[in-house]
Amino acid sequence: MPDWFWKVMLWVFAVHCLVFTGLAVRRRQLASALAAGAFLLLFFSIAARLWLPDYEIFHVRLFWLFRIPAWILALAGISLSLRQKRTSRKAETEKALSR
C-alpha cells in the first residue's frame, strides 16, 4: 500500500485513541479504556511500519509485536462492552417486570 495510506491511518488511530481515552475518563468504563489501549497499540504498529519497517525482534517484525496485543485488547473491549449492555438490558427488563 502507498505511504500516504499508512500516514492517514496513523492520524485515524491517533484521533480514535484520544476520543476513547476521553470517553474512558468521563464514563469510567473499562471497555472504553481497552479500546483506547487498542488504538494506541495500532498507532504504534503503524508508526513502526512506516519508520522501522525492517526492524525485527526474535525474527518477528516490530509492527506485529504491537498489532497482535491490539487485537487482543480490542476483542476484550468488545466482549466487555457487549456483556455490560446485556446486563444493563437485563436489569431494565427486571425493573419493568417488577412494577
Protein backbone atom coordinates (compact mmCIF):
# COMPACT_ATOMS: atom_id res chain seq x y z
CA MET A 1 0.00 0.00 0.00
CA PRO A 2 1.18 3.54 -0.60
CA ASP A 3 2.94 5.51 2.09
CA TRP A 4 0.19 8.15 2.27
CA PHE A 5 -2.35 5.48 3.25
CA TRP A 6 -0.36 4.49 6.32
CA LYS A 7 0.09 8.13 7.31
CA VAL A 8 -3.68 8.68 7.10
CA MET A 9 -4.26 5.56 9.19
CA LEU A 10 -1.76 6.86 11.73
CA TRP A 11 -3.88 10.01 12.16
CA VAL A 12 -7.11 8.00 12.28
CA PHE A 13 -5.78 5.79 15.07
CA ALA A 14 -4.43 8.81 16.97
CA VAL A 15 -7.80 10.57 16.87
CA HIS A 16 -9.64 7.40 17.91
CA CYS A 17 -7.19 6.90 20.77
CA LEU A 18 -7.84 10.41 22.05
CA VAL A 19 -11.62 10.07 21.73
CA PHE A 20 -11.77 6.73 23.53
CA THR A 21 -9.39 7.98 26.23
CA GLY A 22 -11.76 10.89 26.84
CA LEU A 23 -14.72 8.50 26.99
CA ALA A 24 -12.88 6.21 29.39
CA VAL A 25 -12.05 9.11 31.72
CA ARG A 26 -15.52 10.66 31.52
CA ARG A 27 -17.57 7.45 31.81
CA ARG A 28 -15.07 5.45 33.85
CA GLN A 29 -15.69 2.36 31.72
CA LEU A 30 -13.09 -0.33 31.29
CA ALA A 31 -14.36 -1.16 27.78
CA SER A 32 -13.52 2.37 26.58
CA ALA A 33 -10.10 2.19 28.21
CA LEU A 34 -9.42 -1.12 26.45
CA ALA A 35 -10.46 0.42 23.13
CA ALA A 36 -8.15 3.39 23.76
CA GLY A 37 -5.30 0.98 24.50
CA ALA A 38 -6.03 -0.96 21.33
CA PHE A 39 -5.95 2.21 19.23
CA LEU A 40 -2.72 3.30 20.92
CA LEU A 41 -1.09 -0.03 20.06
CA LEU A 42 -2.39 0.23 16.49
CA PHE A 43 -0.89 3.73 16.32
CA PHE A 44 2.48 2.32 17.43
CA SER A 45 2.13 -0.53 14.93
CA ILE A 46 1.59 1.83 12.01
CA ALA A 47 4.41 4.11 13.19
CA ALA A 48 6.75 1.12 13.36
CA ARG A 49 5.63 0.02 9.91
CA LEU A 50 6.34 3.49 8.50
CA TRP A 51 9.64 4.33 10.16
CA LEU A 52 11.10 0.95 11.21
CA PRO A 53 9.79 -1.44 8.54
CA ASP A 54 12.67 -3.92 8.67
CA TYR A 55 13.29 -3.90 12.43
CA GLU A 56 12.84 -7.37 13.96
CA ILE A 57 12.86 -8.81 17.45
CA PHE A 58 13.29 -12.58 17.62
CA HIS A 59 12.68 -12.77 13.85
CA VAL A 60 9.29 -11.05 14.16
CA ARG A 61 8.75 -7.65 12.60
CA LEU A 62 8.24 -4.95 15.18
CA PHE A 63 4.82 -3.83 13.94
CA TRP A 64 3.41 -7.33 14.59
CA LEU A 65 4.51 -7.08 18.23
CA PHE A 66 2.13 -4.13 18.58
CA ARG A 67 -0.65 -5.39 16.33
CA ILE A 68 -1.35 -8.74 18.00
CA PRO A 69 -1.82 -7.27 21.52
CA ALA A 70 -4.02 -4.58 19.93
CA TRP A 71 -6.30 -7.29 18.53
CA ILE A 72 -6.47 -8.95 21.95
CA LEU A 73 -7.35 -5.65 23.66
CA ALA A 74 -9.98 -4.92 21.00
CA LEU A 75 -11.60 -8.34 21.49
CA ALA A 76 -11.55 -7.92 25.27
CA GLY A 77 -13.09 -4.44 25.00
CA ILE A 78 -15.82 -5.57 22.60
CA SER A 79 -16.74 -8.58 24.72
CA LEU A 80 -16.79 -6.48 27.89
CA SER A 81 -18.94 -3.85 26.22
CA LEU A 82 -21.41 -6.48 25.00
CA ARG A 83 -21.54 -8.03 28.47
CA GLN A 84 -22.23 -4.64 30.07
CA LYS A 85 -25.03 -3.92 27.58
CA ARG A 86 -26.57 -7.34 28.16
CA THR A 87 -26.57 -6.93 31.95
CA SER A 88 -28.00 -3.40 31.74
CA ARG A 89 -30.80 -4.59 29.45
CA LYS A 90 -31.48 -7.48 31.79
CA ALA A 91 -31.70 -5.10 34.76
CA GLU A 92 -34.06 -2.79 32.82
CA THR A 93 -36.29 -5.74 31.92
CA GLU A 94 -36.40 -6.97 35.51
CA LYS A 95 -37.18 -3.46 36.72
CA ALA A 96 -40.02 -3.11 34.21
CA LEU A 97 -41.46 -6.51 35.16
CA SER A 98 -41.36 -5.74 38.90
CA ARG A 99 -43.61 -2.69 38.51
